[in-house]
Amino acid sequence: MKSLVLGVCGLAIFLGLDSIQASQKLKSPSIEQLDLQDVTLEQALDQIMGISRKDDPTGVGLNISLIKDDLAPIQIDSRFSLQAKDVLYSDLLYAISKRLGLGYRIERHAIVIASGNKIGLPPPKTEGAVALSKKIKLDLELPGDVGDQ
C-alpha cells in the first residue's frame, strides 16, 4: 500500500471544521489555481500534496492515503487533465474520486482513498464538486491498447 502523506489540521479544513488551529494550518481551504495536465491518480495526489504543503505554514499539508489493492489498472494508469480556479480541497477530492470510480473516507489523521467497491463515495459538500467532476478530461486509452499497435 502506497501512502501519500498530507497533515492533520489541513484535514480539519477539508472537513469544514471551523477551528482556529485548522484555519492557521492552511492559509485557505481552497486552491487558487489548479492545473493538472495529463496526470495519473498518483501524480494528481502528489500535486495536491505539494499545493497543500505550500499553503501550510508548517510545510506538512493534508494527509491522504491511497489504497491501491482493489484498484483496476484503468483507475491507476489512466491519465486526466483538469484546470480550475478557487477549488475547494473537498470538491477536488470528490471530483477525482467520482470520475475514477473511487471512494474516500475521513479518518482521524487521514483521508483514505480506495476503490469505490471498498469505500463508498460520500455526498458532495457543494454543488461545485459535481460540476468539477464533469470538467475532468479523461484519457482512457492505456498503454498496450489495440490503438497503440
N, C-alpha and C. Protein backbone atom coordinates (compact mmCIF):
# COMPACT_ATOMS: atom_id res chain seq x y z
N MET A 1 0.85 -1.18 0.00
CA MET A 1 0.00 0.00 0.00
C MET A 1 0.89 1.23 0.00
N LYS A 2 0.66 2.07 -0.99
CA LYS A 2 1.42 3.31 -1.05
C LYS A 2 0.62 4.41 -0.42
N SER A 3 1.21 5.14 0.45
CA SER A 3 0.50 6.25 1.09
C SER A 3 1.13 7.56 0.67
N LEU A 4 0.28 8.51 0.44
CA LEU A 4 0.72 9.87 0.18
C LEU A 4 0.33 10.66 1.42
N VAL A 5 1.28 11.31 1.99
CA VAL A 5 1.00 11.95 3.27
C VAL A 5 0.81 13.45 3.10
N LEU A 6 -0.23 13.90 3.68
CA LEU A 6 -0.55 15.34 3.62
C LEU A 6 -1.07 15.76 5.04
N GLY A 7 -1.08 16.43 6.24
CA GLY A 7 -1.28 16.67 7.69
C GLY A 7 -2.68 16.83 8.30
N VAL A 8 -2.75 16.86 9.54
CA VAL A 8 -4.00 16.69 10.29
C VAL A 8 -4.85 17.96 10.37
N CYS A 9 -4.26 19.09 10.64
CA CYS A 9 -5.07 20.31 10.73
C CYS A 9 -5.64 20.68 9.37
N GLY A 10 -4.91 20.38 8.31
CA GLY A 10 -5.46 20.57 6.97
C GLY A 10 -6.67 19.70 6.77
N LEU A 11 -6.67 18.55 7.41
CA LEU A 11 -7.82 17.64 7.36
C LEU A 11 -9.04 18.31 7.97
N ALA A 12 -8.84 19.07 9.03
CA ALA A 12 -9.96 19.79 9.66
C ALA A 12 -10.54 20.81 8.68
N ILE A 13 -9.69 21.48 7.93
CA ILE A 13 -10.18 22.42 6.92
C ILE A 13 -10.94 21.66 5.84
N PHE A 14 -10.40 20.51 5.41
CA PHE A 14 -11.07 19.69 4.40
C PHE A 14 -12.47 19.32 4.88
N LEU A 15 -12.59 19.00 6.15
CA LEU A 15 -13.87 18.62 6.71
C LEU A 15 -14.79 19.81 6.92
N GLY A 16 -14.23 21.02 6.79
CA GLY A 16 -15.05 22.20 7.00
C GLY A 16 -15.18 22.56 8.47
N LEU A 17 -14.31 22.01 9.31
CA LEU A 17 -14.36 22.33 10.73
C LEU A 17 -13.86 23.75 10.92
N ASP A 18 -14.51 24.47 11.79
CA ASP A 18 -14.20 25.87 12.00
C ASP A 18 -13.38 26.02 13.27
N SER A 19 -12.13 25.62 13.23
CA SER A 19 -11.29 25.77 14.42
C SER A 19 -10.15 26.72 14.12
N ILE A 20 -9.73 27.44 15.14
CA ILE A 20 -8.63 28.39 14.99
C ILE A 20 -7.38 27.65 14.56
N GLN A 21 -7.12 26.51 15.18
CA GLN A 21 -5.92 25.74 14.85
C GLN A 21 -5.94 25.32 13.38
N ALA A 22 -7.06 24.85 12.88
CA ALA A 22 -7.16 24.42 11.49
C ALA A 22 -6.99 25.60 10.55
N SER A 23 -7.60 26.72 10.88
CA SER A 23 -7.51 27.87 9.99
C SER A 23 -6.10 28.43 9.93
N GLN A 24 -5.32 28.20 10.97
CA GLN A 24 -3.93 28.64 10.95
C GLN A 24 -3.05 27.65 10.19
N LYS A 25 -3.50 26.42 10.05
CA LYS A 25 -2.71 25.38 9.40
C LYS A 25 -2.53 25.66 7.91
N LEU A 26 -3.62 25.79 7.21
CA LEU A 26 -3.57 26.13 5.79
C LEU A 26 -4.11 27.55 5.62
N LYS A 27 -3.52 28.29 4.73
CA LYS A 27 -3.96 29.67 4.52
C LYS A 27 -5.38 29.71 3.96
N SER A 28 -5.76 28.68 3.24
CA SER A 28 -7.08 28.67 2.61
C SER A 28 -7.56 27.24 2.44
N PRO A 29 -8.90 27.00 2.53
CA PRO A 29 -9.41 25.66 2.27
C PRO A 29 -9.56 25.39 0.77
N SER A 30 -9.05 26.33 -0.05
CA SER A 30 -9.18 26.15 -1.49
C SER A 30 -7.84 26.37 -2.19
N ILE A 31 -7.79 25.87 -3.41
CA ILE A 31 -6.62 26.03 -4.27
C ILE A 31 -6.93 27.15 -5.25
N GLU A 32 -6.12 28.19 -5.23
CA GLU A 32 -6.38 29.36 -6.06
C GLU A 32 -6.33 29.01 -7.55
N GLN A 33 -5.30 28.31 -7.98
CA GLN A 33 -5.14 27.94 -9.39
C GLN A 33 -4.70 26.49 -9.47
N LEU A 34 -5.49 25.67 -10.15
CA LEU A 34 -5.19 24.25 -10.29
C LEU A 34 -4.96 23.94 -11.76
N ASP A 35 -3.86 23.27 -12.06
CA ASP A 35 -3.56 22.90 -13.44
C ASP A 35 -2.97 21.50 -13.46
N LEU A 36 -3.85 20.51 -13.54
CA LEU A 36 -3.42 19.12 -13.66
C LEU A 36 -3.46 18.76 -15.14
N GLN A 37 -2.33 18.42 -15.72
CA GLN A 37 -2.25 18.12 -17.14
C GLN A 37 -1.72 16.72 -17.37
N ASP A 38 -2.57 15.86 -17.96
CA ASP A 38 -2.17 14.52 -18.38
C ASP A 38 -1.49 13.77 -17.22
N VAL A 39 -2.18 13.69 -16.08
CA VAL A 39 -1.62 13.07 -14.88
C VAL A 39 -2.35 11.77 -14.55
N THR A 40 -1.66 10.88 -13.86
CA THR A 40 -2.29 9.69 -13.30
C THR A 40 -2.86 10.07 -11.93
N LEU A 41 -3.59 9.17 -11.33
CA LEU A 41 -4.14 9.41 -9.99
C LEU A 41 -3.04 9.74 -8.99
N GLU A 42 -1.99 8.93 -8.98
CA GLU A 42 -0.91 9.18 -8.01
C GLU A 42 -0.22 10.51 -8.27
N GLN A 43 -0.03 10.86 -9.53
CA GLN A 43 0.59 12.15 -9.84
C GLN A 43 -0.30 13.30 -9.40
N ALA A 44 -1.61 13.16 -9.60
CA ALA A 44 -2.55 14.20 -9.16
C ALA A 44 -2.50 14.37 -7.65
N LEU A 45 -2.50 13.25 -6.93
CA LEU A 45 -2.44 13.32 -5.47
C LEU A 45 -1.12 13.92 -5.00
N ASP A 46 -0.03 13.60 -5.70
CA ASP A 46 1.27 14.21 -5.37
C ASP A 46 1.20 15.73 -5.55
N GLN A 47 0.58 16.18 -6.64
CA GLN A 47 0.47 17.62 -6.88
C GLN A 47 -0.41 18.29 -5.83
N ILE A 48 -1.51 17.65 -5.47
CA ILE A 48 -2.38 18.19 -4.43
C ILE A 48 -1.61 18.27 -3.11
N MET A 49 -0.81 17.23 -2.83
CA MET A 49 0.02 17.24 -1.63
C MET A 49 0.98 18.42 -1.65
N GLY A 50 1.62 18.64 -2.78
CA GLY A 50 2.56 19.75 -2.90
C GLY A 50 1.90 21.11 -2.71
N ILE A 51 0.73 21.27 -3.30
CA ILE A 51 -0.01 22.52 -3.16
C ILE A 51 -0.40 22.76 -1.70
N SER A 52 -0.91 21.72 -1.05
CA SER A 52 -1.33 21.90 0.35
C SER A 52 -0.14 22.15 1.27
N ARG A 53 1.01 21.55 0.95
CA ARG A 53 2.22 21.81 1.76
C ARG A 53 2.63 23.26 1.65
N LYS A 54 2.54 23.81 0.43
CA LYS A 54 2.90 25.22 0.23
C LYS A 54 1.94 26.14 0.97
N ASP A 55 0.68 25.70 1.12
CA ASP A 55 -0.33 26.52 1.79
C ASP A 55 -0.31 26.34 3.30
N ASP A 56 0.52 25.43 3.78
CA ASP A 56 0.62 25.12 5.21
C ASP A 56 1.90 25.75 5.77
N PRO A 57 1.79 26.70 6.69
CA PRO A 57 2.99 27.34 7.25
C PRO A 57 3.99 26.35 7.85
N THR A 58 3.53 25.19 8.32
CA THR A 58 4.46 24.20 8.88
C THR A 58 5.04 23.29 7.80
N GLY A 59 4.49 23.38 6.57
CA GLY A 59 5.00 22.58 5.47
C GLY A 59 4.49 21.14 5.43
N VAL A 60 3.51 20.79 6.26
CA VAL A 60 3.01 19.42 6.32
C VAL A 60 1.92 19.18 5.27
N GLY A 61 0.91 20.00 5.24
CA GLY A 61 -0.18 19.86 4.28
C GLY A 61 -1.22 18.86 4.73
N LEU A 62 -2.05 18.42 3.79
CA LEU A 62 -3.10 17.44 4.07
C LEU A 62 -2.50 16.04 4.17
N ASN A 63 -3.29 15.11 4.65
CA ASN A 63 -2.85 13.72 4.79
C ASN A 63 -3.78 12.82 3.99
N ILE A 64 -3.28 12.25 2.89
CA ILE A 64 -4.09 11.38 2.03
C ILE A 64 -3.39 10.04 1.92
N SER A 65 -4.16 8.98 2.06
CA SER A 65 -3.62 7.63 1.91
C SER A 65 -4.37 6.94 0.77
N LEU A 66 -3.64 6.50 -0.24
CA LEU A 66 -4.23 5.80 -1.38
C LEU A 66 -4.03 4.30 -1.21
N ILE A 67 -5.13 3.56 -1.16
CA ILE A 67 -5.07 2.09 -1.07
C ILE A 67 -5.27 1.54 -2.47
N LYS A 68 -4.21 0.98 -3.04
CA LYS A 68 -4.25 0.53 -4.43
C LYS A 68 -4.68 -0.92 -4.59
N ASP A 69 -4.86 -1.66 -3.49
CA ASP A 69 -5.13 -3.10 -3.55
C ASP A 69 -6.23 -3.49 -4.53
N ASP A 70 -7.38 -2.84 -4.48
CA ASP A 70 -8.52 -3.24 -5.30
C ASP A 70 -8.76 -2.32 -6.50
N LEU A 71 -7.80 -1.48 -6.81
CA LEU A 71 -7.98 -0.57 -7.94
C LEU A 71 -7.72 -1.31 -9.26
N ALA A 72 -8.53 -1.01 -10.25
CA ALA A 72 -8.34 -1.57 -11.59
C ALA A 72 -7.21 -0.81 -12.28
N PRO A 73 -6.54 -1.45 -13.25
CA PRO A 73 -5.47 -0.76 -13.97
C PRO A 73 -5.92 0.58 -14.57
N ILE A 74 -7.16 0.64 -15.03
CA ILE A 74 -7.63 1.89 -15.64
C ILE A 74 -7.72 3.01 -14.60
N GLN A 75 -7.99 2.67 -13.34
CA GLN A 75 -8.03 3.69 -12.29
C GLN A 75 -6.63 4.17 -11.94
N ILE A 76 -5.67 3.29 -12.03
CA ILE A 76 -4.29 3.63 -11.67
C ILE A 76 -3.56 4.30 -12.83
N ASP A 77 -3.75 3.76 -14.04
CA ASP A 77 -2.92 4.17 -15.18
C ASP A 77 -3.55 5.20 -16.11
N SER A 78 -4.87 5.37 -16.07
CA SER A 78 -5.46 6.35 -16.98
C SER A 78 -4.99 7.75 -16.59
N ARG A 79 -4.94 8.59 -17.58
CA ARG A 79 -4.48 9.96 -17.38
C ARG A 79 -5.66 10.91 -17.52
N PHE A 80 -5.58 12.01 -16.80
CA PHE A 80 -6.64 13.01 -16.90
C PHE A 80 -6.06 14.40 -16.73
N SER A 81 -6.87 15.37 -17.12
CA SER A 81 -6.47 16.78 -17.02
C SER A 81 -7.62 17.56 -16.39
N LEU A 82 -7.25 18.59 -15.65
CA LEU A 82 -8.25 19.46 -15.03
C LEU A 82 -7.61 20.81 -14.76
N GLN A 83 -8.27 21.84 -15.24
CA GLN A 83 -7.86 23.21 -14.93
C GLN A 83 -9.03 23.88 -14.24
N ALA A 84 -8.75 24.55 -13.14
CA ALA A 84 -9.81 25.22 -12.39
C ALA A 84 -9.21 26.29 -11.49
N LYS A 85 -10.07 27.21 -11.07
CA LYS A 85 -9.66 28.28 -10.15
C LYS A 85 -10.51 28.20 -8.90
N ASP A 86 -9.92 28.58 -7.79
CA ASP A 86 -10.61 28.64 -6.50
C ASP A 86 -11.38 27.35 -6.20
N VAL A 87 -10.65 26.24 -6.18
CA VAL A 87 -11.22 24.92 -5.97
C VAL A 87 -11.04 24.51 -4.51
N LEU A 88 -12.15 24.15 -3.86
CA LEU A 88 -12.06 23.63 -2.50
C LEU A 88 -11.38 22.27 -2.52
N TYR A 89 -10.53 22.00 -1.56
CA TYR A 89 -9.89 20.69 -1.48
C TYR A 89 -10.94 19.57 -1.45
N SER A 90 -12.01 19.79 -0.70
CA SER A 90 -13.05 18.77 -0.59
C SER A 90 -13.72 18.53 -1.94
N ASP A 91 -13.97 19.59 -2.71
CA ASP A 91 -14.57 19.43 -4.04
C ASP A 91 -13.62 18.71 -4.99
N LEU A 92 -12.36 19.03 -4.89
CA LEU A 92 -11.37 18.40 -5.77
C LEU A 92 -11.27 16.90 -5.52
N LEU A 93 -11.18 16.50 -4.27
CA LEU A 93 -11.07 15.08 -3.97
C LEU A 93 -12.36 14.34 -4.31
N TYR A 94 -13.50 14.99 -4.12
CA TYR A 94 -14.76 14.38 -4.53
C TYR A 94 -14.77 14.18 -6.05
N ALA A 95 -14.40 15.22 -6.80
CA ALA A 95 -14.45 15.18 -8.26
C ALA A 95 -13.55 14.08 -8.83
N ILE A 96 -12.32 14.00 -8.33
CA ILE A 96 -11.40 12.97 -8.81
C ILE A 96 -11.93 11.59 -8.46
N SER A 97 -12.40 11.43 -7.23
CA SER A 97 -12.93 10.13 -6.80
C SER A 97 -14.14 9.73 -7.63
N LYS A 98 -15.04 10.65 -7.85
CA LYS A 98 -16.26 10.38 -8.63
C LYS A 98 -15.90 9.96 -10.05
N ARG A 99 -15.01 10.70 -10.67
CA ARG A 99 -14.66 10.46 -12.08
C ARG A 99 -13.94 9.14 -12.29
N LEU A 100 -13.15 8.73 -11.29
CA LEU A 100 -12.36 7.50 -11.43
C LEU A 100 -12.99 6.30 -10.74
N GLY A 101 -14.21 6.46 -10.24
CA GLY A 101 -14.89 5.33 -9.59
C GLY A 101 -14.28 4.95 -8.26
N LEU A 102 -13.81 5.94 -7.54
CA LEU A 102 -13.17 5.73 -6.24
C LEU A 102 -14.12 6.14 -5.13
N GLY A 103 -13.75 5.85 -3.93
CA GLY A 103 -14.45 6.32 -2.76
C GLY A 103 -13.42 6.86 -1.78
N TYR A 104 -13.86 7.58 -0.79
CA TYR A 104 -12.94 8.02 0.26
C TYR A 104 -13.69 8.16 1.56
N ARG A 105 -12.92 8.10 2.62
CA ARG A 105 -13.49 8.32 3.95
C ARG A 105 -12.51 9.17 4.74
N ILE A 106 -13.06 9.87 5.70
CA ILE A 106 -12.26 10.72 6.55
C ILE A 106 -11.98 9.97 7.84
N GLU A 107 -10.71 9.77 8.13
CA GLU A 107 -10.31 9.15 9.38
C GLU A 107 -9.67 10.21 10.25
N ARG A 108 -9.33 9.84 11.43
CA ARG A 108 -8.80 10.82 12.39
C ARG A 108 -7.59 11.59 11.86
N HIS A 109 -6.66 10.88 11.21
CA HIS A 109 -5.43 11.53 10.76
C HIS A 109 -5.23 11.51 9.26
N ALA A 110 -6.24 11.08 8.51
CA ALA A 110 -6.03 10.99 7.06
C ALA A 110 -7.34 10.92 6.29
N ILE A 111 -7.24 11.24 5.03
CA ILE A 111 -8.29 10.99 4.05
C ILE A 111 -7.85 9.72 3.34
N VAL A 112 -8.65 8.68 3.40
CA VAL A 112 -8.29 7.41 2.78
C VAL A 112 -9.07 7.28 1.48
N ILE A 113 -8.35 7.06 0.38
CA ILE A 113 -8.95 6.89 -0.94
C ILE A 113 -8.72 5.46 -1.37
N ALA A 114 -9.78 4.81 -1.89
CA ALA A 114 -9.69 3.42 -2.33
C ALA A 114 -10.74 3.17 -3.40
N SER A 115 -10.81 1.95 -3.86
CA SER A 115 -11.82 1.54 -4.82
C SER A 115 -13.21 1.90 -4.30
N GLY A 116 -14.10 2.32 -5.20
CA GLY A 116 -15.46 2.62 -4.82
C GLY A 116 -16.20 1.41 -4.28
N ASN A 117 -15.70 0.20 -4.62
CA ASN A 117 -16.29 -1.03 -4.08
C ASN A 117 -15.88 -1.26 -2.63
N LYS A 118 -14.76 -0.69 -2.25
CA LYS A 118 -14.23 -0.89 -0.90
C LYS A 118 -14.69 0.21 0.06
N ILE A 119 -14.67 1.45 -0.44
CA ILE A 119 -15.09 2.61 0.35
C ILE A 119 -16.09 3.39 -0.50
N GLY A 120 -17.20 3.74 0.08
CA GLY A 120 -18.20 4.50 -0.66
C GLY A 120 -17.79 5.94 -0.88
N LEU A 121 -18.41 6.55 -1.87
CA LEU A 121 -18.18 7.96 -2.15
C LEU A 121 -19.18 8.78 -1.33
N PRO A 122 -18.69 9.63 -0.43
CA PRO A 122 -19.63 10.43 0.36
C PRO A 122 -20.32 11.46 -0.54
N PRO A 123 -21.45 11.99 -0.11
CA PRO A 123 -22.12 13.00 -0.92
C PRO A 123 -21.24 14.24 -1.07
N PRO A 124 -21.39 14.95 -2.18
CA PRO A 124 -20.58 16.16 -2.37
C PRO A 124 -20.92 17.22 -1.32
N LYS A 125 -19.92 17.98 -0.91
CA LYS A 125 -20.13 19.04 0.08
C LYS A 125 -20.75 20.29 -0.55
N THR A 126 -20.50 20.47 -1.86
CA THR A 126 -21.06 21.63 -2.56
C THR A 126 -21.51 21.20 -3.95
N GLU A 127 -22.32 22.03 -4.59
CA GLU A 127 -22.73 21.77 -5.97
C GLU A 127 -21.53 21.88 -6.91
N GLY A 128 -20.55 22.66 -6.51
CA GLY A 128 -19.35 22.82 -7.32
C GLY A 128 -18.57 21.53 -7.49
N ALA A 129 -18.68 20.62 -6.54
CA ALA A 129 -17.96 19.34 -6.61
C ALA A 129 -18.44 18.51 -7.80
N VAL A 130 -19.75 18.48 -8.00
CA VAL A 130 -20.33 17.71 -9.11
C VAL A 130 -19.92 18.35 -10.44
N ALA A 131 -20.01 19.67 -10.52
CA ALA A 131 -19.63 20.38 -11.74
C ALA A 131 -18.15 20.16 -12.04
N LEU A 132 -17.33 20.18 -11.00
CA LEU A 132 -15.90 19.98 -11.18
C LEU A 132 -15.60 18.59 -11.73
N SER A 133 -16.32 17.58 -11.26
CA SER A 133 -16.08 16.21 -11.74
C SER A 133 -16.36 16.10 -13.24
N LYS A 134 -17.30 16.88 -13.72
CA LYS A 134 -17.63 16.86 -15.15
C LYS A 134 -16.59 17.57 -16.00
N LYS A 135 -15.76 18.41 -15.37
CA LYS A 135 -14.71 19.13 -16.10
C LYS A 135 -13.45 18.30 -16.30
N ILE A 136 -13.34 17.19 -15.60
CA ILE A 136 -12.15 16.35 -15.71
C ILE A 136 -12.15 15.66 -17.07
N LYS A 137 -11.08 15.85 -17.81
CA LYS A 137 -10.94 15.25 -19.14
C LYS A 137 -10.13 13.97 -19.00
N LEU A 138 -10.80 12.84 -19.21
CA LEU A 138 -10.15 11.54 -19.07
C LEU A 138 -9.58 11.07 -20.40
N ASP A 139 -8.38 10.49 -20.35
CA ASP A 139 -7.79 9.79 -21.49
C ASP A 139 -7.81 8.32 -21.10
N LEU A 140 -8.78 7.57 -21.61
CA LEU A 140 -8.98 6.19 -21.18
C LEU A 140 -8.16 5.18 -21.96
N GLU A 141 -7.33 5.61 -22.89
CA GLU A 141 -6.50 4.68 -23.64
C GLU A 141 -5.27 4.33 -22.80
N LEU A 142 -5.12 3.06 -22.51
CA LEU A 142 -4.00 2.61 -21.70
C LEU A 142 -2.89 2.08 -22.59
N PRO A 143 -1.63 2.12 -22.13
CA PRO A 143 -0.54 1.52 -22.88
C PRO A 143 -0.89 0.04 -23.15
N GLY A 144 -0.65 -0.39 -24.40
CA GLY A 144 -0.96 -1.77 -24.76
C GLY A 144 -2.32 -1.95 -25.38
N ASP A 145 -3.13 -0.86 -25.42
CA ASP A 145 -4.43 -0.91 -26.08
C ASP A 145 -4.22 -1.17 -27.57
N VAL A 146 -5.24 -1.69 -28.23
CA VAL A 146 -5.17 -2.01 -29.66
C VAL A 146 -4.74 -0.81 -30.48
N GLY A 147 -5.18 0.38 -30.11
CA GLY A 147 -4.83 1.59 -30.83
C GLY A 147 -3.36 1.92 -30.81
N ASP A 148 -2.59 1.36 -29.88
CA ASP A 148 -1.16 1.64 -29.76
C ASP A 148 -0.31 0.82 -30.72
N GLN A 149 -0.91 -0.17 -31.37
CA GLN A 149 -0.10 -1.08 -32.20
C GLN A 149 -0.01 -0.60 -33.61
